[in-house]
Amino acid sequence: MTNKKTSPPLTDEELGQVAGRFKMLGEPMRLKILQSVCKQPRTVNDIVAATGSTQANISKHLALLAAAGILKRKKEGQCVYYGVKDQLAVKMCELVRAQVNGQS
């Protein structure tokens, strides 16, 4: 998992944090949400329409993604926009997709 030449082994705390990040991205609906906001911030209603899910379900996942630091939220008037805060999460998805599709 680590490069023996440059990185020391992960601590138990670091392993927990890495596992938590993968757990957060291990839910297909959260990946759909991430995909829907990766190009530009979108409102909850936009995300609901893009994912085909319910507002309650999307709101639950948005709260988890925001709390994990993967998404950011910005209120403008009565609208709340969600966008990507952690670009590494998007990059990880792109890398896994390439691997799954045999492109790496």
PDB file of N, CA and C in Angstrom:
ATOM      1  N   MET A   1       0.815  -1.191   0.000  1.00  0.00           N
ATOM      2  CA  MET A   1       0.000   0.000   0.000  1.00  0.00           C
ATOM      3  C   MET A   1       0.859   1.257   0.000  1.00  0.00           C
ATOM      4  N   THR A   2       2.001   1.205   0.641  1.00  0.00           N
ATOM      5  CA  THR A   2       2.874   2.367   0.649  1.00  0.00           C
ATOM      6  C   THR A   2       4.149   2.062  -0.101  1.00  0.00           C
ATOM      7  N   ASN A   3       4.790   3.091  -0.576  1.00  0.00           N
ATOM      8  CA  ASN A   3       6.082   2.966  -1.226  1.00  0.00           C
ATOM      9  C   ASN A   3       7.130   2.894  -0.134  1.00  0.00           C
ATOM     10  N   LYS A   4       7.818   1.751  -0.005  1.00  0.00           N
ATOM     11  CA  LYS A   4       8.765   1.536   1.080  1.00  0.00           C
ATOM     12  C   LYS A   4       9.919   2.528   1.053  1.00  0.00           C
ATOM     13  N   LYS A   5      10.257   3.081  -0.101  1.00  0.00           N
ATOM     14  CA  LYS A   5      11.387   3.993  -0.224  1.00  0.00           C
ATOM     15  C   LYS A   5      11.076   5.393   0.295  1.00  0.00           C
ATOM     16  N   THR A   6       9.809   5.836   0.205  1.00  0.00           N
ATOM     17  CA  THR A   6       9.519   7.221   0.540  1.00  0.00           C
ATOM     18  C   THR A   6       8.519   7.415   1.669  1.00  0.00           C
ATOM     19  N   SER A   7       7.648   6.485   1.892  1.00  0.00           N
ATOM     20  CA  SER A   7       6.585   6.688   2.877  1.00  0.00           C
ATOM     21  C   SER A   7       6.658   5.675   4.000  1.00  0.00           C
ATOM     22  N   PRO A   8       6.559   6.145   5.239  1.00  0.00           N
ATOM     23  CA  PRO A   8       6.480   5.198   6.346  1.00  0.00           C
ATOM     24  C   PRO A   8       5.102   4.539   6.348  1.00  0.00           C
ATOM     25  N   PRO A   9       4.952   3.425   7.036  1.00  0.00           N
ATOM     26  CA  PRO A   9       3.628   2.795   7.114  1.00  0.00           C
ATOM     27  C   PRO A   9       2.615   3.759   7.730  1.00  0.00           C
ATOM     28  N   LEU A  10       1.386   3.595   7.322  1.00  0.00           N
ATOM     29  CA  LEU A  10       0.323   4.419   7.886  1.00  0.00           C
ATOM     30  C   LEU A  10       0.089   4.051   9.344  1.00  0.00           C
ATOM     31  N   THR A  11      -0.224   5.059  10.149  1.00  0.00           N
ATOM     32  CA  THR A  11      -0.584   4.803  11.542  1.00  0.00           C
ATOM     33  C   THR A  11      -2.004   4.250  11.587  1.00  0.00           C
ATOM     34  N   ASP A  12      -2.399   3.735  12.724  1.00  0.00           N
ATOM     35  CA  ASP A  12      -3.761   3.235  12.864  1.00  0.00           C
ATOM     36  C   ASP A  12      -4.777   4.347  12.614  1.00  0.00           C
ATOM     37  N   GLU A  13      -4.469   5.550  13.078  1.00  0.00           N
ATOM     38  CA  GLU A  13      -5.379   6.676  12.852  1.00  0.00           C
ATOM     39  C   GLU A  13      -5.479   7.004  11.362  1.00  0.00           C
ATOM     40  N   GLU A  14      -4.352   7.018  10.680  1.00  0.00           N
ATOM     41  CA  GLU A  14      -4.360   7.287   9.240  1.00  0.00           C
ATOM     42  C   GLU A  14      -5.104   6.199   8.477  1.00  0.00           C
ATOM     43  N   LEU A  15      -4.910   4.952   8.866  1.00  0.00           N
ATOM     44  CA  LEU A  15      -5.639   3.849   8.221  1.00  0.00           C
ATOM     45  C   LEU A  15      -7.147   4.035   8.401  1.00  0.00           C
ATOM     46  N   GLY A  16      -7.551   4.461   9.574  1.00  0.00           N
ATOM     47  CA  GLY A  16      -8.971   4.715   9.826  1.00  0.00           C
ATOM     48  C   GLY A  16      -9.514   5.829   8.954  1.00  0.00           C
ATOM     49  N   GLN A  17      -8.705   6.878   8.773  1.00  0.00           N
ATOM     50  CA  GLN A  17      -9.131   7.991   7.935  1.00  0.00           C
ATOM     51  C   GLN A  17      -9.233   7.579   6.467  1.00  0.00           C
ATOM     52  N   VAL A  18      -8.271   6.806   5.998  1.00  0.00           N
ATOM     53  CA  VAL A  18      -8.304   6.323   4.608  1.00  0.00           C
ATOM     54  C   VAL A  18      -9.520   5.417   4.405  1.00  0.00           C
ATOM     55  N   ALA A  19      -9.749   4.510   5.350  1.00  0.00           N
ATOM     56  CA  ALA A  19     -10.903   3.606   5.243  1.00  0.00           C
ATOM     57  C   ALA A  19     -12.208   4.401   5.250  1.00  0.00           C
ATOM     58  N   GLY A  20     -12.275   5.441   6.077  1.00  0.00           N
ATOM     59  CA  GLY A  20     -13.476   6.280   6.124  1.00  0.00           C
ATOM     60  C   GLY A  20     -13.741   6.977   4.804  1.00  0.00           C
ATOM     61  N   ARG A  21     -12.677   7.434   4.152  1.00  0.00           N
ATOM     62  CA  ARG A  21     -12.830   8.103   2.858  1.00  0.00           C
ATOM     63  C   ARG A  21     -13.346   7.113   1.817  1.00  0.00           C
ATOM     64  N   PHE A  22     -12.770   5.910   1.797  1.00  0.00           N
ATOM     65  CA  PHE A  22     -13.246   4.903   0.845  1.00  0.00           C
ATOM     66  C   PHE A  22     -14.682   4.483   1.153  1.00  0.00           C
ATOM     67  N   LYS A  23     -15.014   4.399   2.431  1.00  0.00           N
ATOM     68  CA  LYS A  23     -16.390   4.055   2.816  1.00  0.00           C
ATOM     69  C   LYS A  23     -17.352   5.125   2.312  1.00  0.00           C
ATOM     70  N   MET A  24     -16.954   6.396   2.458  1.00  0.00           N
ATOM     71  CA  MET A  24     -17.807   7.497   2.007  1.00  0.00           C
ATOM     72  C   MET A  24     -18.036   7.417   0.495  1.00  0.00           C
ATOM     73  N   LEU A  25     -17.016   7.032  -0.251  1.00  0.00           N
ATOM     74  CA  LEU A  25     -17.126   6.945  -1.712  1.00  0.00           C
ATOM     75  C   LEU A  25     -17.601   5.572  -2.183  1.00  0.00           C
ATOM     76  N   GLY A  26     -17.884   4.676  -1.243  1.00  0.00           N
ATOM     77  CA  GLY A  26     -18.299   3.321  -1.588  1.00  0.00           C
ATOM     78  C   GLY A  26     -19.792   3.163  -1.787  1.00  0.00           C
ATOM     79  N   GLU A  27     -20.528   4.232  -1.759  1.00  0.00           N
ATOM     80  CA  GLU A  27     -21.980   4.212  -1.928  1.00  0.00           C
ATOM     81  C   GLU A  27     -22.314   4.769  -3.316  1.00  0.00           C
ATOM     82  N   PRO A  28     -22.953   3.969  -4.180  1.00  0.00           N
ATOM     83  CA  PRO A  28     -23.237   4.419  -5.547  1.00  0.00           C
ATOM     84  C   PRO A  28     -23.988   5.749  -5.646  1.00  0.00           C
ATOM     85  N   MET A  29     -24.934   6.009  -4.756  1.00  0.00           N
ATOM     86  CA  MET A  29     -25.676   7.277  -4.834  1.00  0.00           C
ATOM     87  C   MET A  29     -24.749   8.450  -4.539  1.00  0.00           C
ATOM     88  N   ARG A  30     -23.805   8.273  -3.630  1.00  0.00           N
ATOM     89  CA  ARG A  30     -22.871   9.364  -3.345  1.00  0.00           C
ATOM     90  C   ARG A  30     -21.972   9.622  -4.551  1.00  0.00           C
ATOM     91  N   LEU A  31     -21.627   8.577  -5.259  1.00  0.00           N
ATOM     92  CA  LEU A  31     -20.830   8.752  -6.484  1.00  0.00           C
ATOM     93  C   LEU A  31     -21.641   9.463  -7.563  1.00  0.00           C
ATOM     94  N   LYS A  32     -22.937   9.148  -7.655  1.00  0.00           N
ATOM     95  CA  LYS A  32     -23.811   9.862  -8.607  1.00  0.00           C
ATOM     96  C   LYS A  32     -23.867  11.341  -8.267  1.00  0.00           C
ATOM     97  N   ILE A  33     -23.972  11.633  -6.974  1.00  0.00           N
ATOM     98  CA  ILE A  33     -24.018  13.027  -6.529  1.00  0.00           C
ATOM     99  C   ILE A  33     -22.704  13.718  -6.880  1.00  0.00           C
ATOM    100  N   LEU A  34     -21.597  13.071  -6.574  1.00  0.00           N
ATOM    101  CA  LEU A  34     -20.284  13.641  -6.879  1.00  0.00           C
ATOM    102  C   LEU A  34     -20.145  13.900  -8.379  1.00  0.00           C
ATOM    103  N   GLN A  35     -20.601  12.950  -9.169  1.00  0.00           N
ATOM    104  CA  GLN A  35     -20.554  13.102 -10.625  1.00  0.00           C
ATOM    105  C   GLN A  35     -21.396  14.293 -11.077  1.00  0.00           C
ATOM    106  N   SER A  36     -22.529  14.497 -10.427  1.00  0.00           N
ATOM    107  CA  SER A  36     -23.426  15.575 -10.852  1.00  0.00           C
ATOM    108  C   SER A  36     -22.897  16.967 -10.506  1.00  0.00           C
ATOM    109  N   VAL A  37     -21.990  17.058  -9.543  1.00  0.00           N
ATOM    110  CA  VAL A  37     -21.472  18.373  -9.141  1.00  0.00           C
ATOM    111  C   VAL A  37     -19.997  18.565  -9.493  1.00  0.00           C
ATOM    112  N   CYS A  38     -19.393  17.612 -10.174  1.00  0.00           N
ATOM    113  CA  CYS A  38     -17.944  17.689 -10.402  1.00  0.00           C
ATOM    114  C   CYS A  38     -17.558  18.786 -11.388  1.00  0.00           C
ATOM    115  N   LYS A  39     -18.429  19.201 -12.277  1.00  0.00           N
ATOM    116  CA  LYS A  39     -18.113  20.249 -13.256  1.00  0.00           C
ATOM    117  C   LYS A  39     -18.470  21.642 -12.748  1.00  0.00           C
ATOM    118  N   GLN A  40     -19.580  21.729 -12.007  1.00  0.00           N
ATOM    119  CA  GLN A  40     -20.029  23.019 -11.483  1.00  0.00           C
ATOM    120  C   GLN A  40     -20.950  22.777 -10.294  1.00  0.00           C
ATOM    121  N   PRO A  41     -21.000  23.714  -9.358  1.00  0.00           N
ATOM    122  CA  PRO A  41     -21.924  23.583  -8.225  1.00  0.00           C
ATOM    123  C   PRO A  41     -23.370  23.546  -8.701  1.00  0.00           C
ATOM    124  N   ARG A  42     -24.179  22.779  -7.970  1.00  0.00           N
ATOM    125  CA  ARG A  42     -25.584  22.634  -8.334  1.00  0.00           C
ATOM    126  C   ARG A  42     -26.453  22.697  -7.090  1.00  0.00           C
ATOM    127  N   THR A  43     -27.706  23.050  -7.296  1.00  0.00           N
ATOM    128  CA  THR A  43     -28.658  23.084  -6.185  1.00  0.00           C
ATOM    129  C   THR A  43     -29.134  21.669  -5.867  1.00  0.00           C
ATOM    130  N   VAL A  44     -29.760  21.540  -4.716  1.00  0.00           N
ATOM    131  CA  VAL A  44     -30.308  20.250  -4.328  1.00  0.00           C
ATOM    132  C   VAL A  44     -31.306  19.769  -5.373  1.00  0.00           C
ATOM    133  N   ASN A  45     -32.170  20.673  -5.851  1.00  0.00           N
ATOM    134  CA  ASN A  45     -33.163  20.275  -6.862  1.00  0.00           C
ATOM    135  C   ASN A  45     -32.493  19.801  -8.147  1.00  0.00           C
ATOM    136  N   ASP A  46     -31.405  20.462  -8.545  1.00  0.00           N
ATOM    137  CA  ASP A  46     -30.661  20.032  -9.731  1.00  0.00           C
ATOM    138  C   ASP A  46     -30.083  18.630  -9.521  1.00  0.00           C
ATOM    139  N   ILE A  47     -29.556  18.391  -8.332  1.00  0.00           N
ATOM    140  CA  ILE A  47     -28.947  17.090  -8.019  1.00  0.00           C
ATOM    141  C   ILE A  47     -30.010  16.000  -7.971  1.00  0.00           C
ATOM    142  N   VAL A  48     -31.164  16.325  -7.408  1.00  0.00           N
ATOM    143  CA  VAL A  48     -32.286  15.370  -7.382  1.00  0.00           C
ATOM    144  C   VAL A  48     -32.657  14.983  -8.815  1.00  0.00           C
ATOM    145  N   ALA A  49     -32.772  15.974  -9.688  1.00  0.00           N
ATOM    146  CA  ALA A  49     -33.130  15.698 -11.079  1.00  0.00           C
ATOM    147  C   ALA A  49     -32.047  14.889 -11.785  1.00  0.00           C
ATOM    148  N   ALA A  50     -30.789  15.191 -11.513  1.00  0.00           N
ATOM    149  CA  ALA A  50     -29.684  14.492 -12.179  1.00  0.00           C
ATOM    150  C   ALA A  50     -29.542  13.048 -11.732  1.00  0.00           C
ATOM    151  N   THR A  51     -29.910  12.776 -10.489  1.00  0.00           N
ATOM    152  CA  THR A  51     -29.719  11.428  -9.948  1.00  0.00           C
ATOM    153  C   THR A  51     -30.974  10.566 -10.000  1.00  0.00           C
ATOM    154  N   GLY A  52     -32.134  11.205 -10.100  1.00  0.00           N
ATOM    155  CA  GLY A  52     -33.380  10.454 -10.109  1.00  0.00           C
ATOM    156  C   GLY A  52     -33.780   9.948  -8.746  1.00  0.00           C
ATOM    157  N   SER A  53     -33.222  10.508  -7.704  1.00  0.00           N
ATOM    158  CA  SER A  53     -33.544  10.082  -6.343  1.00  0.00           C
ATOM    159  C   SER A  53     -34.494  11.079  -5.699  1.00  0.00           C
ATOM    160  N   THR A  54     -34.833  10.832  -4.439  1.00  0.00           N
ATOM    161  CA  THR A  54     -35.722  11.734  -3.711  1.00  0.00           C
ATOM    162  C   THR A  54     -34.918  12.831  -3.030  1.00  0.00           C
ATOM    163  N   GLN A  55     -35.588  13.937  -2.727  1.00  0.00           N
ATOM    164  CA  GLN A  55     -34.904  15.038  -2.062  1.00  0.00           C
ATOM    165  C   GLN A  55     -34.410  14.610  -0.678  1.00  0.00           C
ATOM    166  N   ALA A  56     -35.186  13.833   0.033  1.00  0.00           N
ATOM    167  CA  ALA A  56     -34.774  13.385   1.366  1.00  0.00           C
ATOM    168  C   ALA A  56     -33.499  12.543   1.288  1.00  0.00           C
ATOM    169  N   ASN A  57     -33.449  11.635   0.329  1.00  0.00           N
ATOM    170  CA  ASN A  57     -32.273  10.774   0.173  1.00  0.00           C
ATOM    171  C   ASN A  57     -31.046  11.595  -0.224  1.00  0.00           C
ATOM    172  N   ILE A  58     -31.220  12.506  -1.166  1.00  0.00           N
ATOM    173  CA  ILE A  58     -30.105  13.343  -1.615  1.00  0.00           C
ATOM    174  C   ILE A  58     -29.611  14.220  -0.469  1.00  0.00           C
ATOM    175  N   SER A  59     -30.522  14.811   0.273  1.00  0.00           N
ATOM    176  CA  SER A  59     -30.139  15.671   1.393  1.00  0.00           C
ATOM    177  C   SER A  59     -29.328  14.911   2.425  1.00  0.00           C
ATOM    178  N   LYS A  60     -29.710  13.674   2.686  1.00  0.00           N
ATOM    179  CA  LYS A  60     -28.966  12.843   3.642  1.00  0.00           C
ATOM    180  C   LYS A  60     -27.535  12.623   3.154  1.00  0.00           C
ATOM    181  N   HIS A  61     -27.381  12.262   1.895  1.00  0.00           N
ATOM    182  CA  HIS A  61     -26.054  11.999   1.343  1.00  0.00           C
ATOM    183  C   HIS A  61     -25.228  13.284   1.225  1.00  0.00           C
ATOM    184  N   LEU A  62     -25.874  14.392   0.860  1.00  0.00           N
ATOM    185  CA  LEU A  62     -25.159  15.662   0.785  1.00  0.00           C
ATOM    186  C   LEU A  62     -24.595  16.057   2.142  1.00  0.00           C
ATOM    187  N   ALA A  63     -25.371  15.854   3.187  1.00  0.00           N
ATOM    188  CA  ALA A  63     -24.895  16.180   4.539  1.00  0.00           C
ATOM    189  C   ALA A  63     -23.665  15.347   4.896  1.00  0.00           C
ATOM    190  N   LEU A  64     -23.690  14.066   4.557  1.00  0.00           N
ATOM    191  CA  LEU A  64     -22.546  13.190   4.844  1.00  0.00           C
ATOM    192  C   LEU A  64     -21.319  13.595   4.036  1.00  0.00           C
ATOM    193  N   LEU A  65     -21.510  13.878   2.755  1.00  0.00           N
ATOM    194  CA  LEU A  65     -20.386  14.277   1.898  1.00  0.00           C
ATOM    195  C   LEU A  65     -19.797  15.614   2.324  1.00  0.00           C
ATOM    196  N   ALA A  66     -20.645  16.527   2.754  1.00  0.00           N
ATOM    197  CA  ALA A  66     -20.156  17.824   3.222  1.00  0.00           C
ATOM    198  C   ALA A  66     -19.415  17.664   4.552  1.00  0.00           C
ATOM    199  N   ALA A  67     -19.953  16.862   5.448  1.00  0.00           N
ATOM    200  CA  ALA A  67     -19.300  16.639   6.747  1.00  0.00           C
ATOM    201  C   ALA A  67     -17.943  15.960   6.572  1.00  0.00           C
ATOM    202  N   ALA A  68     -17.804  15.131   5.545  1.00  0.00           N
ATOM    203  CA  ALA A  68     -16.548  14.437   5.272  1.00  0.00           C
ATOM    204  C   ALA A  68     -15.542  15.338   4.551  1.00  0.00           C
ATOM    205  N   GLY A  69     -15.967  16.525   4.160  1.00  0.00           N
ATOM    206  CA  GLY A  69     -15.058  17.443   3.475  1.00  0.00           C
ATOM    207  C   GLY A  69     -14.904  17.177   1.994  1.00  0.00           C
ATOM    208  N   ILE A  70     -15.779  16.347   1.433  1.00  0.00           N
ATOM    209  CA  ILE A  70     -15.712  16.046   0.007  1.00  0.00           C
ATOM    210  C   ILE A  70     -16.458  17.105  -0.800  1.00  0.00           C
ATOM    211  N   LEU A  71     -17.575  17.574  -0.261  1.00  0.00           N
ATOM    212  CA  LEU A  71     -18.350  18.629  -0.913  1.00  0.00           C
ATOM    213  C   LEU A  71     -18.360  19.879  -0.052  1.00  0.00           C
ATOM    214  N   LYS A  72     -18.557  21.018  -0.717  1.00  0.00           N
ATOM    215  CA  LYS A  72     -18.754  22.284  -0.012  1.00  0.00           C
ATOM    216  C   LYS A  72     -20.141  22.779  -0.340  1.00  0.00           C
ATOM    217  N   ARG A  73     -20.685  23.584   0.527  1.00  0.00           N
ATOM    218  CA  ARG A  73     -22.007  24.166   0.292  1.00  0.00           C
ATOM    219  C   ARG A  73     -21.910  25.671   0.380  1.00  0.00           C
ATOM    220  N   LYS A  74     -22.695  26.328  -0.467  1.00  0.00           N
ATOM    221  CA  LYS A  74     -22.717  27.783  -0.492  1.00  0.00           C
ATOM    222  C   LYS A  74     -24.153  28.241  -0.647  1.00  0.00           C
ATOM    223  N   LYS A  75     -24.582  29.071   0.275  1.00  0.00           N
ATOM    224  CA  LYS A  75     -25.957  29.576   0.224  1.00  0.00           C
ATOM    225  C   LYS A  75     -25.978  30.900  -0.527  1.00  0.00           C
ATOM    226  N   GLU A  76     -26.855  30.975  -1.501  1.00  0.00           N
ATOM    227  CA  GLU A  76     -27.085  32.215  -2.261  1.00  0.00           C
ATOM    228  C   GLU A  76     -28.585  32.474  -2.254  1.00  0.00           C
ATOM    229  N   GLY A  77     -28.997  33.450  -1.464  1.00  0.00           N
ATOM    230  CA  GLY A  77     -30.428  33.710  -1.315  1.00  0.00           C
ATOM    231  C   GLY A  77     -31.085  32.509  -0.662  1.00  0.00           C
ATOM    232  N   GLN A  78     -32.115  31.989  -1.313  1.00  0.00           N
ATOM    233  CA  GLN A  78     -32.800  30.814  -0.785  1.00  0.00           C
ATOM    234  C   GLN A  78     -32.228  29.505  -1.326  1.00  0.00           C
ATOM    235  N   CYS A  79     -31.281  29.578  -2.228  1.00  0.00           N
ATOM    236  CA  CYS A  79     -30.701  28.380  -2.836  1.00  0.00           C
ATOM    237  C   CYS A  79     -29.394  28.002  -2.150  1.00  0.00           C
ATOM    238  N   VAL A  80     -29.187  26.714  -2.022  1.00  0.00           N
ATOM    239  CA  VAL A  80     -27.923  26.190  -1.519  1.00  0.00           C
ATOM    240  C   VAL A  80     -27.275  25.426  -2.661  1.00  0.00           C
ATOM    241  N   TYR A  81     -26.033  25.784  -2.966  1.00  0.00           N
ATOM    242  CA  TYR A  81     -25.285  25.132  -4.033  1.00  0.00           C
ATOM    243  C   TYR A  81     -24.237  24.210  -3.419  1.00  0.00           C
ATOM    244  N   TYR A  82     -24.139  23.020  -3.989  1.00  0.00           N
ATOM    245  CA  TYR A  82     -23.120  22.062  -3.567  1.00  0.00           C
ATOM    246  C   TYR A  82     -22.125  21.882  -4.694  1.00  0.00           C
ATOM    247  N   GLY A  83     -20.850  21.883  -4.328  1.00  0.00           N
ATOM    248  CA  GLY A  83     -19.780  21.687  -5.289  1.00  0.00           C
ATOM    249  C   GLY A  83     -18.668  20.864  -4.672  1.00  0.00           C
ATOM    250  N   VAL A  84     -17.700  20.519  -5.466  1.00  0.00           N
ATOM    251  CA  VAL A  84     -16.587  19.684  -5.013  1.00  0.00           C
ATOM    252  C   VAL A  84     -15.615  20.523  -4.184  1.00  0.00           C
ATOM    253  N   LYS A  85     -15.309  20.031  -3.022  1.00  0.00           N
ATOM    254  CA  LYS A  85     -14.296  20.652  -2.173  1.00  0.00           C
ATOM    255  C   LYS A  85     -12.981  19.891  -2.281  1.00  0.00           C
ATOM    256  N   ASP A  86     -13.084  18.567  -2.373  1.00  0.00           N
ATOM    257  CA  ASP A  86     -11.901  17.706  -2.416  1.00  0.00           C
ATOM    258  C   ASP A  86     -11.752  17.130  -3.824  1.00  0.00           C
ATOM    259  N   GLN A  87     -10.922  17.782  -4.637  1.00  0.00           N
ATOM    260  CA  GLN A  87     -10.724  17.324  -6.012  1.00  0.00           C
ATOM    261  C   GLN A  87     -10.084  15.933  -6.064  1.00  0.00           C
ATOM    262  N   LEU A  88      -9.398  15.544  -5.016  1.00  0.00           N
ATOM    263  CA  LEU A  88      -8.794  14.218  -4.989  1.00  0.00           C
ATOM    264  C   LEU A  88      -9.861  13.122  -5.047  1.00  0.00           C
ATOM    265  N   ALA A  89     -11.014  13.372  -4.458  1.00  0.00           N
ATOM    266  CA  ALA A  89     -12.101  12.391  -4.519  1.00  0.00           C
ATOM    267  C   ALA A  89     -12.527  12.153  -5.960  1.00  0.00           C
ATOM    268  N   VAL A  90     -12.610  13.226  -6.740  1.00  0.00           N
ATOM    269  CA  VAL A  90     -12.960  13.099  -8.161  1.00  0.00           C
ATOM    270  C   VAL A  90     -11.857  12.351  -8.897  1.00  0.00           C
ATOM    271  N   LYS A  91     -10.615  12.691  -8.607  1.00  0.00           N
ATOM    272  CA  LYS A  91      -9.473  12.038  -9.266  1.00  0.00           C
ATOM    273  C   LYS A  91      -9.454  10.543  -8.939  1.00  0.00           C
ATOM    274  N   MET A  92      -9.740  10.194  -7.686  1.00  0.00           N
ATOM    275  CA  MET A  92      -9.779   8.771  -7.308  1.00  0.00           C
ATOM    276  C   MET A  92     -10.832   8.032  -8.121  1.00  0.00           C
ATOM    277  N   CYS A  93     -11.987   8.651  -8.301  1.00  0.00           N
ATOM    278  CA  CYS A  93     -13.044   8.031  -9.103  1.00  0.00           C
ATOM    279  C   CYS A  93     -12.590   7.849 -10.546  1.00  0.00           C
ATOM    280  N   GLU A  94     -11.909   8.846 -11.091  1.00  0.00           N
ATOM    281  CA  GLU A  94     -11.404   8.755 -12.468  1.00  0.00           C
ATOM    282  C   GLU A  94     -10.372   7.637 -12.598  1.00  0.00           C
ATOM    283  N   LEU A  95      -9.487   7.510 -11.617  1.00  0.00           N
ATOM    284  CA  LEU A  95      -8.466   6.459 -11.650  1.00  0.00           C
ATOM    285  C   LEU A  95      -9.091   5.070 -11.569  1.00  0.00           C
ATOM    286  N   VAL A  96     -10.065   4.911 -10.681  1.00  0.00           N
ATOM    287  CA  VAL A  96     -10.733   3.613 -10.548  1.00  0.00           C
ATOM    288  C   VAL A  96     -11.509   3.292 -11.819  1.00  0.00           C
ATOM    289  N   ARG A  97     -12.167   4.290 -12.383  1.00  0.00           N
ATOM    290  CA  ARG A  97     -12.904   4.069 -13.637  1.00  0.00           C
ATOM    291  C   ARG A  97     -11.958   3.598 -14.737  1.00  0.00           C
ATOM    292  N   ALA A  98     -10.801   4.239 -14.861  1.00  0.00           N
ATOM    293  CA  ALA A  98      -9.823   3.836 -15.878  1.00  0.00           C
ATOM    294  C   ALA A  98      -9.369   2.402 -15.644  1.00  0.00           C
ATOM    295  N   GLN A  99      -9.144   2.040 -14.407  1.00  0.00           N
ATOM    296  CA  GLN A  99      -8.715   0.674 -14.081  1.00  0.00           C
ATOM    297  C   GLN A  99      -9.811  -0.337 -14.433  1.00  0.00           C
ATOM    298  N   VAL A 100     -11.039  -0.012 -14.073  1.00  0.00           N
ATOM    299  CA  VAL A 100     -12.179  -0.898 -14.348  1.00  0.00           C
ATOM    300  C   VAL A 100     -12.360  -1.076 -15.855  1.00  0.00           C
ATOM    301  N   ASN A 101     -12.124  -0.009 -16.606  1.00  0.00           N
ATOM    302  CA  ASN A 101     -12.283  -0.064 -18.060  1.00  0.00           C
ATOM    303  C   ASN A 101     -11.023  -0.542 -18.780  1.00  0.00           C
ATOM    304  N   GLY A 102     -10.009  -0.950 -18.009  1.00  0.00           N
ATOM    305  CA  GLY A 102      -8.788  -1.473 -18.600  1.00  0.00           C
ATOM    306  C   GLY A 102      -7.925  -0.436 -19.272  1.00  0.00           C
ATOM    307  N   GLN A 103      -8.009   0.811 -18.847  1.00  0.00           N
ATOM    308  CA  GLN A 103      -7.267   1.888 -19.483  1.00  0.00           C
ATOM    309  C   GLN A 103      -5.980   2.239 -18.753  1.00  0.00           C
ATOM    310  N   SER A 104      -5.654   1.510 -17.693  1.00  0.00           N
ATOM    311  CA  SER A 104      -4.414   1.876 -16.981  1.00  0.00           C
ATOM    312  C   SER A 104      -3.464   0.715 -16.929  1.00  0.00           C
TER     313      SER A 104
END
